[in-house]
Protein backbone atom coordinates (compact mmCIF):
# COMPACT_ATOMS: atom_id res chain seq x y z
CA MET A 1 -31.46 -81.09 -20.40
CA GLU A 2 -34.86 -79.54 -19.82
CA LEU A 3 -35.87 -79.59 -16.17
CA LYS A 4 -39.26 -81.00 -15.20
CA ARG A 5 -41.80 -78.73 -13.51
CA VAL A 6 -42.72 -79.62 -9.92
CA VAL A 7 -46.04 -78.96 -8.20
CA VAL A 8 -47.65 -79.44 -4.79
CA THR A 9 -50.60 -81.86 -4.83
CA GLY A 10 -51.02 -82.83 -1.17
CA LEU A 11 -50.62 -81.28 2.28
CA GLY A 12 -50.69 -82.67 5.80
CA ALA A 13 -50.06 -80.93 9.12
CA LEU A 14 -49.88 -81.93 12.77
CA THR A 15 -49.06 -78.78 14.73
CA PRO A 16 -49.44 -77.17 18.16
CA ILE A 17 -52.37 -75.12 16.85
CA GLY A 18 -54.14 -77.70 14.70
CA ASN A 19 -53.96 -81.43 14.05
CA THR A 20 -54.90 -81.27 10.35
CA LYS A 21 -54.01 -78.84 7.58
CA ASP A 22 -57.46 -77.25 7.76
CA GLU A 23 -57.37 -76.84 11.56
CA TYR A 24 -53.86 -75.46 11.25
CA TRP A 25 -54.92 -72.91 8.64
CA GLU A 26 -57.95 -71.71 10.62
CA ALA A 27 -55.77 -71.23 13.70
CA LEU A 28 -53.15 -69.36 11.70
CA ILE A 29 -55.50 -66.77 10.26
CA SER A 30 -57.23 -66.28 13.62
CA GLY A 31 -53.90 -65.60 15.34
CA LYS A 32 -54.03 -68.50 17.79
CA SER A 33 -51.08 -69.18 20.09
CA GLY A 34 -50.11 -72.79 20.78
CA ALA A 35 -48.00 -72.04 23.86
CA ALA A 36 -48.92 -73.42 27.29
CA ARG A 37 -47.31 -75.06 30.33
CA VAL A 38 -45.51 -78.28 29.42
CA THR A 39 -47.50 -81.48 30.03
CA HIS A 40 -45.06 -84.10 28.70
CA PHE A 41 -43.07 -83.90 31.94
CA ASP A 42 -43.03 -81.79 35.13
CA PRO A 43 -41.25 -78.55 34.12
CA GLU A 44 -41.28 -76.93 37.58
CA LYS A 45 -37.50 -76.84 38.00
CA PHE A 46 -36.79 -75.66 34.46
CA LYS A 47 -36.07 -72.03 33.52
CA THR A 48 -38.73 -72.33 30.82
CA LYS A 49 -41.89 -74.12 31.87
CA PHE A 50 -43.90 -73.86 28.65
CA ALA A 51 -43.79 -74.98 25.04
CA CYS A 52 -45.99 -75.42 21.99
CA GLU A 53 -47.09 -79.04 22.34
CA ILE A 54 -49.43 -81.12 20.18
CA LYS A 55 -52.86 -81.17 21.83
CA ASN A 56 -55.80 -83.59 21.89
CA PHE A 57 -53.72 -86.22 20.13
CA GLU A 58 -53.95 -89.97 20.71
CA VAL A 59 -51.57 -91.86 18.47
CA THR A 60 -53.63 -95.06 18.52
CA ASP A 61 -56.39 -93.20 16.69
CA PHE A 62 -54.03 -93.30 13.72
CA ILE A 63 -51.48 -96.08 14.24
CA ASP A 64 -51.87 -99.59 15.62
CA ARG A 65 -50.80 -99.68 19.28
CA LYS A 66 -48.12 -102.34 18.75
CA LEU A 67 -46.59 -100.47 15.82
CA ALA A 68 -46.81 -97.12 17.62
CA LYS A 69 -44.77 -98.52 20.53
CA ARG A 70 -41.98 -99.19 18.06
CA MET A 71 -41.84 -95.55 17.00
CA ASP A 72 -40.54 -92.43 18.70
CA LYS A 73 -42.97 -89.51 18.71
CA PHE A 74 -41.16 -87.83 15.84
CA SER A 75 -41.88 -90.88 13.65
CA GLN A 76 -45.47 -91.07 14.84
CA TYR A 77 -45.98 -87.42 13.93
CA ALA A 78 -44.37 -88.02 10.52
CA MET A 79 -46.72 -90.92 9.80
CA VAL A 80 -49.85 -88.96 10.73
CA ALA A 81 -48.94 -85.90 8.66
CA SER A 82 -47.84 -87.92 5.65
CA ASP A 83 -51.02 -90.02 5.77
CA GLU A 84 -53.04 -86.81 5.54
CA ALA A 85 -50.92 -85.43 2.69
CA ILE A 86 -51.13 -88.64 0.69
CA ALA A 87 -54.92 -88.81 1.18
CA ASP A 88 -55.19 -85.13 0.25
CA SER A 89 -53.27 -85.76 -2.98
CA LYS A 90 -55.76 -88.45 -4.05
CA LEU A 91 -52.92 -90.48 -5.53
CA ASP A 92 -54.03 -93.83 -6.94
CA LEU A 93 -51.59 -95.95 -4.98
CA ASP A 94 -52.27 -99.06 -7.06
CA ALA A 95 -51.55 -97.25 -10.33
CA LEU A 96 -48.27 -95.64 -9.20
CA ASN A 97 -44.91 -96.89 -10.34
CA LYS A 98 -43.61 -97.14 -6.78
CA LEU A 99 -40.02 -97.36 -7.96
CA ARG A 100 -40.48 -93.72 -8.96
CA VAL A 101 -42.03 -92.56 -5.67
CA GLY A 102 -39.67 -91.48 -2.90
CA VAL A 103 -39.71 -90.11 0.65
CA ILE A 104 -37.23 -87.37 1.52
CA TRP A 105 -37.75 -86.16 5.07
CA GLY A 106 -36.22 -83.67 7.47
CA ALA A 107 -35.44 -84.03 11.19
CA GLY A 108 -33.00 -81.92 13.13
CA ILE A 109 -32.72 -84.24 16.13
CA GLY A 110 -34.75 -87.42 15.62
CA GLY A 111 -35.74 -89.69 18.47
CA LEU A 112 -34.59 -87.58 21.40
CA GLU A 113 -37.21 -88.89 23.84
CA THR A 114 -36.28 -92.50 23.05
CA PHE A 115 -32.58 -91.77 23.56
CA GLN A 116 -33.32 -89.95 26.82
CA GLU A 117 -35.48 -92.76 28.22
CA GLU A 118 -33.01 -95.51 27.41
CA VAL A 119 -30.03 -93.68 28.89
CA LEU A 120 -31.97 -92.70 32.05
CA ASN A 121 -33.15 -96.29 32.50
CA PHE A 122 -29.59 -97.55 32.19
CA ALA A 123 -28.29 -94.93 34.63
CA ALA A 124 -30.93 -95.94 37.19
CA GLY A 125 -29.95 -99.60 37.02
CA ASP A 126 -27.00 -101.65 38.25
CA GLY A 127 -24.83 -101.10 35.20
CA THR A 128 -26.13 -104.09 33.28
CA PRO A 129 -26.83 -102.98 29.71
CA ARG A 130 -30.52 -103.83 29.33
CA PHE A 131 -31.67 -101.81 26.33
CA ASN A 132 -34.86 -102.06 24.33
CA PRO A 133 -34.21 -103.89 21.05
CA PHE A 134 -36.08 -101.08 19.29
CA PHE A 135 -33.89 -98.40 20.89
CA ILE A 136 -31.76 -97.74 17.80
CA PRO A 137 -34.50 -98.17 15.15
CA LYS A 138 -36.75 -95.79 17.11
CA MET A 139 -34.06 -93.18 17.64
CA ILE A 140 -32.23 -92.79 14.34
CA ALA A 141 -33.20 -89.67 12.40
CA ASP A 142 -33.70 -91.51 9.10
CA ILE A 143 -36.36 -93.90 10.41
CA ALA A 144 -39.35 -91.62 9.76
CA PRO A 145 -39.12 -91.78 5.94
CA GLY A 146 -38.29 -95.47 6.30
CA ASN A 147 -41.56 -96.06 8.14
CA ILE A 148 -43.53 -94.06 5.55
CA SER A 149 -42.02 -95.99 2.64
CA ILE A 150 -42.61 -99.35 4.35
CA LYS A 151 -46.29 -98.56 4.90
CA TYR A 152 -46.91 -97.48 1.30
CA GLY A 153 -44.32 -99.55 -0.57
CA PHE A 154 -42.58 -96.48 -2.02
CA MET A 155 -39.26 -97.72 -3.43
CA GLY A 156 -37.68 -94.52 -4.74
CA PRO A 157 -35.09 -92.38 -2.89
CA ASN A 158 -35.56 -92.62 0.85
CA TYR A 159 -33.53 -90.63 3.35
CA THR A 160 -33.46 -87.84 5.93
CA THR A 161 -31.78 -84.47 5.64
CA VAL A 162 -30.28 -83.18 8.90
CA SER A 163 -29.38 -79.49 8.99
CA ALA A 164 -30.80 -78.42 12.36
CA CYS A 165 -33.81 -76.14 11.90
CA ALA A 166 -33.30 -76.00 8.13
CA SER A 167 -33.76 -79.77 7.81
CA SER A 168 -37.22 -79.97 6.26
CA ALA A 169 -36.55 -77.05 3.92
CA ASN A 170 -33.47 -78.97 2.79
CA SER A 171 -35.62 -82.05 2.26
CA MET A 172 -38.03 -80.07 0.05
CA ILE A 173 -35.16 -78.74 -2.06
CA ASP A 174 -33.71 -82.24 -2.49
CA ALA A 175 -37.17 -83.50 -3.46
CA LEU A 176 -37.61 -80.62 -5.91
CA ASN A 177 -34.29 -81.34 -7.60
CA THR A 178 -34.86 -85.10 -7.75
CA ILE A 179 -38.16 -84.64 -9.61
CA ARG A 180 -36.76 -81.82 -11.77
CA LEU A 181 -34.04 -84.16 -13.02
CA GLY A 182 -36.60 -86.82 -13.97
CA SER A 183 -35.57 -89.39 -11.36
CA CYS A 184 -38.98 -89.54 -9.65
CA ASP A 185 -42.63 -88.79 -10.41
CA VAL A 186 -43.71 -88.21 -6.80
CA ILE A 187 -41.90 -87.52 -3.52
CA ILE A 188 -43.39 -87.25 -0.04
CA THR A 189 -41.36 -84.60 1.72
CA GLY A 190 -41.51 -82.52 4.89
CA GLY A 191 -40.26 -82.94 8.42
CA SER A 192 -41.07 -83.85 11.99
CA GLU A 193 -39.69 -83.17 15.45
CA ALA A 194 -40.54 -84.13 19.03
CA ALA A 195 -38.01 -82.36 21.23
CA VAL A 196 -40.30 -81.16 24.03
CA THR A 197 -38.45 -83.42 26.46
CA ILE A 198 -36.32 -83.06 29.56
CA ALA A 199 -33.17 -83.15 27.42
CA GLY A 200 -34.52 -80.81 24.76
CA MET A 201 -35.84 -78.17 27.13
CA GLY A 202 -32.85 -78.42 29.43
CA GLY A 203 -30.36 -78.17 26.58
CA PHE A 204 -31.92 -75.13 24.96
CA ASN A 205 -32.30 -73.46 28.37
CA ALA A 206 -28.61 -74.00 29.04
CA MET A 207 -27.89 -72.08 25.82
CA HIS A 208 -30.17 -69.21 26.94
CA ALA A 209 -31.98 -69.65 23.61
CA MET A 210 -35.58 -69.94 24.82
CA SER A 211 -38.01 -67.41 26.19
CA THR A 212 -38.59 -67.51 29.96
CA ARG A 213 -41.86 -65.57 29.91
CA ASN A 214 -43.45 -68.12 32.26
CA ASP A 215 -46.07 -65.68 33.52
CA ASP A 216 -47.61 -65.31 30.06
CA PRO A 217 -46.61 -68.17 27.71
CA GLN A 218 -49.12 -67.32 24.99
CA THR A 219 -47.35 -64.04 24.27
CA ALA A 220 -43.81 -65.40 24.66
CA SER A 221 -43.15 -65.96 20.96
CA ARG A 222 -43.03 -62.38 19.70
CA PRO A 223 -40.91 -62.07 16.56
CA PHE A 224 -39.76 -58.53 15.73
CA ASP A 225 -41.02 -57.14 19.06
CA ALA A 226 -38.47 -55.08 21.00
CA ASN A 227 -39.07 -57.17 24.13
CA ARG A 228 -38.57 -60.62 22.60
CA ASP A 229 -36.38 -62.85 24.74
CA GLY A 230 -35.96 -66.11 22.82
CA PHE A 231 -37.85 -68.77 20.93
CA VAL A 232 -40.62 -71.08 22.15
CA LEU A 233 -40.02 -74.78 21.53
CA GLY A 234 -42.63 -76.59 19.45
CA GLU A 235 -43.30 -80.08 18.12
CA GLY A 236 -45.16 -81.72 15.26
CA ALA A 237 -44.88 -82.47 11.55
CA GLY A 238 -45.66 -81.14 8.11
CA ALA A 239 -45.89 -83.24 4.95
CA ILE A 240 -46.02 -82.14 1.32
CA VAL A 241 -46.61 -84.26 -1.77
CA LEU A 242 -44.44 -82.98 -4.62
CA GLU A 243 -45.26 -84.26 -8.07
CA GLU A 244 -43.99 -83.84 -11.60
CA TYR A 245 -46.36 -81.44 -13.34
CA GLU A 246 -47.32 -83.62 -16.32
CA HIS A 247 -47.85 -86.61 -14.02
CA ALA A 248 -50.20 -84.54 -11.84
CA LYS A 249 -51.96 -83.02 -14.84
CA ALA A 250 -52.55 -86.42 -16.44
CA ARG A 251 -54.43 -87.69 -13.41
CA GLY A 252 -56.41 -84.48 -12.90
CA ALA A 253 -54.85 -83.70 -9.53
CA LYS A 254 -55.61 -80.58 -7.56
CA ILE A 255 -52.51 -78.41 -7.75
CA TYR A 256 -51.89 -76.05 -4.83
CA ALA A 257 -48.82 -74.32 -6.25
CA GLU A 258 -45.70 -74.79 -8.30
CA VAL A 259 -42.34 -75.11 -6.54
CA VAL A 260 -40.13 -72.95 -8.72
CA GLY A 261 -36.88 -72.74 -6.81
CA GLY A 262 -34.74 -73.49 -3.82
CA GLY A 263 -31.60 -71.92 -2.45
CA LEU A 264 -28.92 -72.99 0.05
CA SER A 265 -26.06 -71.16 1.76
CA SER A 266 -23.95 -71.08 4.90
CA ASP A 267 -23.22 -68.22 7.27
CA ALA A 268 -19.75 -69.69 7.97
CA TYR A 269 -19.76 -67.54 11.08
CA HIS A 270 -20.78 -69.12 14.42
CA MET A 271 -22.14 -72.36 15.87
CA THR A 272 -25.44 -70.84 16.95
CA ALA A 273 -25.56 -67.08 16.23
CA PRO A 274 -26.48 -65.67 12.82
CA HIS A 275 -24.14 -63.29 11.06
CA PRO A 276 -25.23 -59.85 12.38
CA GLU A 277 -25.49 -58.43 8.85
CA GLY A 278 -27.29 -61.51 7.54
CA ILE A 279 -24.79 -62.16 4.73
CA GLY A 280 -25.66 -65.86 4.53
CA VAL A 281 -29.35 -65.00 4.44
CA VAL A 282 -28.75 -62.50 1.63
CA ALA A 283 -26.94 -65.23 -0.29
CA VAL A 284 -29.64 -67.87 0.19
CA MET A 285 -32.47 -65.60 -0.97
CA LYS A 286 -30.48 -64.48 -4.00
CA ASN A 287 -29.64 -68.12 -4.78
CA CYS A 288 -33.30 -69.06 -4.50
CA LEU A 289 -34.51 -66.27 -6.77
CA GLU A 290 -31.87 -67.11 -9.36
CA ASN A 291 -32.76 -70.79 -9.19
CA ALA A 292 -36.42 -69.91 -9.70
CA GLY A 293 -35.75 -67.48 -12.55
CA LEU A 294 -37.47 -64.69 -10.63
CA SER A 295 -36.59 -61.09 -9.83
CA PRO A 296 -36.98 -59.59 -6.34
CA GLU A 297 -39.97 -57.57 -7.57
CA ASP A 298 -41.89 -60.79 -8.27
CA VAL A 299 -42.16 -61.74 -4.58
CA ASP A 300 -45.39 -60.87 -2.74
CA HIS A 301 -44.97 -62.70 0.57
CA ILE A 302 -42.13 -63.98 2.76
CA ASN A 303 -42.68 -66.33 5.68
CA THR A 304 -39.53 -65.56 7.64
CA HIS A 305 -37.51 -67.81 9.90
CA GLY A 306 -38.45 -65.22 12.55
CA THR A 307 -37.75 -67.18 15.73
CA SER A 308 -38.23 -64.31 18.23
CA THR A 309 -34.54 -64.14 19.16
CA PRO A 310 -32.89 -60.74 19.63
CA LEU A 311 -30.17 -61.29 17.01
CA GLY A 312 -31.86 -63.50 14.44
CA ASP A 313 -34.91 -61.38 13.69
CA VAL A 314 -32.91 -58.21 13.02
CA ALA A 315 -30.33 -59.99 10.84
CA GLU A 316 -33.03 -61.59 8.68
CA LEU A 317 -34.92 -58.35 8.12
CA LYS A 318 -31.69 -56.52 7.25
CA ALA A 319 -31.05 -59.22 4.66
CA ILE A 320 -34.56 -58.85 3.21
CA SER A 321 -34.05 -55.10 2.87
CA GLU A 322 -30.74 -55.66 1.09
CA VAL A 323 -32.05 -58.28 -1.34
CA PHE A 324 -35.37 -56.63 -2.16
CA GLY A 325 -34.41 -52.97 -1.89
CA SER A 326 -37.31 -50.54 -2.21
CA HIS A 327 -39.66 -53.44 -3.06
CA ALA A 328 -39.22 -54.84 0.47
CA LYS A 329 -41.88 -52.48 1.80
CA ASN A 330 -44.38 -53.94 -0.70
CA ILE A 331 -43.95 -57.50 0.59
CA ASN A 332 -46.18 -59.05 3.26
CA ILE A 333 -43.61 -60.39 5.72
CA ASN A 334 -44.65 -62.56 8.65
CA SER A 335 -43.52 -65.14 11.19
CA THR A 336 -45.95 -67.97 11.91
CA LYS A 337 -43.61 -69.09 14.70
CA SER A 338 -45.36 -66.43 16.77
CA MET A 339 -48.23 -68.96 16.90
CA THR A 340 -46.67 -72.41 16.46
CA GLY A 341 -43.42 -71.87 18.29
CA HIS A 342 -40.26 -73.27 16.70
CA LEU A 343 -40.63 -76.84 15.43
CA LEU A 344 -36.89 -77.15 14.76
CA GLY A 345 -36.44 -79.69 11.93
CA ALA A 346 -40.15 -79.53 11.07
CA ALA A 347 -40.29 -75.72 10.89
CA GLY A 348 -39.54 -75.44 7.18
CA ALA A 349 -42.32 -77.87 6.29
CA ILE A 350 -45.13 -76.34 8.33
CA GLU A 351 -44.10 -72.83 7.28
CA ALA A 352 -44.03 -73.83 3.61
CA ILE A 353 -47.55 -75.19 4.09
CA ALA A 354 -48.57 -71.85 5.63
CA SER A 355 -47.14 -70.03 2.59
CA ILE A 356 -48.90 -72.34 0.14
CA LEU A 357 -52.25 -71.96 1.92
CA ALA A 358 -51.78 -68.19 2.12
CA MET A 359 -51.38 -68.20 -1.64
CA GLU A 360 -54.44 -70.41 -2.12
CA HIS A 361 -56.73 -68.36 0.16
CA GLY A 362 -55.33 -64.90 -0.53
CA ILE A 363 -54.71 -64.21 3.16
CA VAL A 364 -51.39 -63.70 4.97
CA PRO A 365 -51.43 -65.03 8.56
CA PRO A 366 -50.33 -62.50 11.17
CA THR A 367 -47.23 -62.13 13.28
CA ILE A 368 -48.94 -62.07 16.67
CA ASN A 369 -47.81 -60.70 20.05
CA HIS A 370 -46.22 -57.55 18.69
CA GLU A 371 -46.50 -54.71 21.21
CA THR A 372 -43.32 -52.62 21.12
CA VAL A 373 -41.47 -51.29 18.07
CA ASP A 374 -37.82 -52.35 17.78
CA GLU A 375 -35.77 -49.33 16.73
CA ASN A 376 -33.35 -51.71 14.96
CA ILE A 377 -36.05 -52.79 12.49
CA ASP A 378 -37.04 -50.75 9.43
CA PRO A 379 -40.49 -49.29 10.25
CA GLU A 380 -41.50 -49.32 6.57
CA LEU A 381 -41.51 -53.13 6.41
CA ASN A 382 -44.97 -54.69 6.51
CA LEU A 383 -44.57 -57.39 9.16
CA THR A 384 -48.30 -58.31 9.07
CA LEU A 385 -48.60 -57.46 12.74
CA ASN A 386 -51.30 -58.96 14.97
CA LYS A 387 -53.96 -59.37 12.30
CA ALA A 388 -54.19 -61.38 9.07
CA GLN A 389 -54.14 -59.34 5.86
CA LYS A 390 -55.82 -60.08 2.53
CA ARG A 391 -53.32 -60.25 -0.32
CA ASP A 392 -53.33 -61.68 -3.82
CA ILE A 393 -50.14 -63.73 -3.66
CA LYS A 394 -48.57 -64.93 -6.89
CA VAL A 395 -45.13 -65.71 -5.45
CA ALA A 396 -44.35 -66.74 -1.86
CA MET A 397 -40.97 -67.37 -0.26
CA SER A 398 -40.23 -69.36 2.89
CA ASN A 399 -36.97 -68.93 4.83
CA THR A 400 -35.53 -71.48 7.25
CA PHE A 401 -32.17 -71.33 9.05
CA GLY A 402 -30.36 -73.65 11.46
CA PHE A 403 -27.58 -73.83 14.04
CA GLY A 404 -24.28 -74.27 12.26
CA GLY A 405 -25.12 -71.51 9.82
CA HIS A 406 -27.37 -73.61 7.56
CA ASN A 407 -29.70 -71.49 5.41
CA ALA A 408 -32.44 -72.78 3.12
CA CYS A 409 -35.03 -70.90 1.09
CA VAL A 410 -37.92 -72.25 -1.01
CA VAL A 411 -40.15 -70.27 -3.36
CA PHE A 412 -43.65 -71.16 -4.55
CA LYS A 413 -45.68 -69.72 -7.41
CA LYS A 414 -49.33 -69.77 -8.41
CA LEU A 415 -49.69 -72.11 -11.34
CA ASP A 416 -49.85 -70.24 -14.65
């Protein structure tokens, strides 16, 4: 069976550094940090008092107030980003065979704020179970793609992938394979997360996973820097319209890039820590290249998982050196989490968008906040430090990893 080709025809982004794909891109190449003191709740008693929150966002500018009240923030963010991506794709919604249009979405946690509010309200009461009738539909992780499909009438595959911070990369790979096999013409994919909450911040603080650089939040996310002390929590959504190549070509769609491969692996090592030698990361990148029919020398750019944790950054770069050998020093490597923070289940989507736009514009966004060389990191690697670099990118790879040892890798190519 000959596999179908799959291309990107629409992008949408709602991020801590920009509320549209264009705002997001401009912030990326200018090296803008999205970190600031938390506003969603009073963080005074928390170890970490800052995060990368969405800014200047009023949901009722996009969604009817009554409907918005029935959605957790993670669903609201998903709707806004997917609306932008669908508009960007210029799909003729009336002409589509909606039985062949699906929504495959990623969310690592889902409606955490909704769960938190309902449980706290119950705990503050007299023990009588008075719960909002929308509690469960707002909270469940699969509701975001459900809401998207209901709005647009898309009747193809509809579900959520949950693999912690690899969730939206997993969703893209599932979408890629579904179209490749001829089961769909179009799939809206991506991911969303809204975990900047009391429970989210408190939980990650308890794990000692987050930076506590409260005196200077904007420099707290510093992947590859010797003085990094943990990740910065972010929120938002990224949406990507994937389309079968001939279907896109027939309607004269703008094509951003071709999705040529995806890889998956497991560290099988620890609940939260990466394998110190990055063996699962080596496997996922090799799997991805093989799936794409590419050699290591074909890759020009890698958007790393690069969370700014002491162990994770070193393990990933060791894996890159092993997979790419002497070619590794020729690759523009970066971590856009230095600007956006870590969007958990949405990370893979917004970082894939960054890779696609880097390819389109011929510019690699920087890894900001790097001040001190880490002696554990190969100095010959080009980590695109502190300033964007021009680069003709023909092949771009995006890495995303999650607690539990989940590894996902997606590779994009300029259309021949």
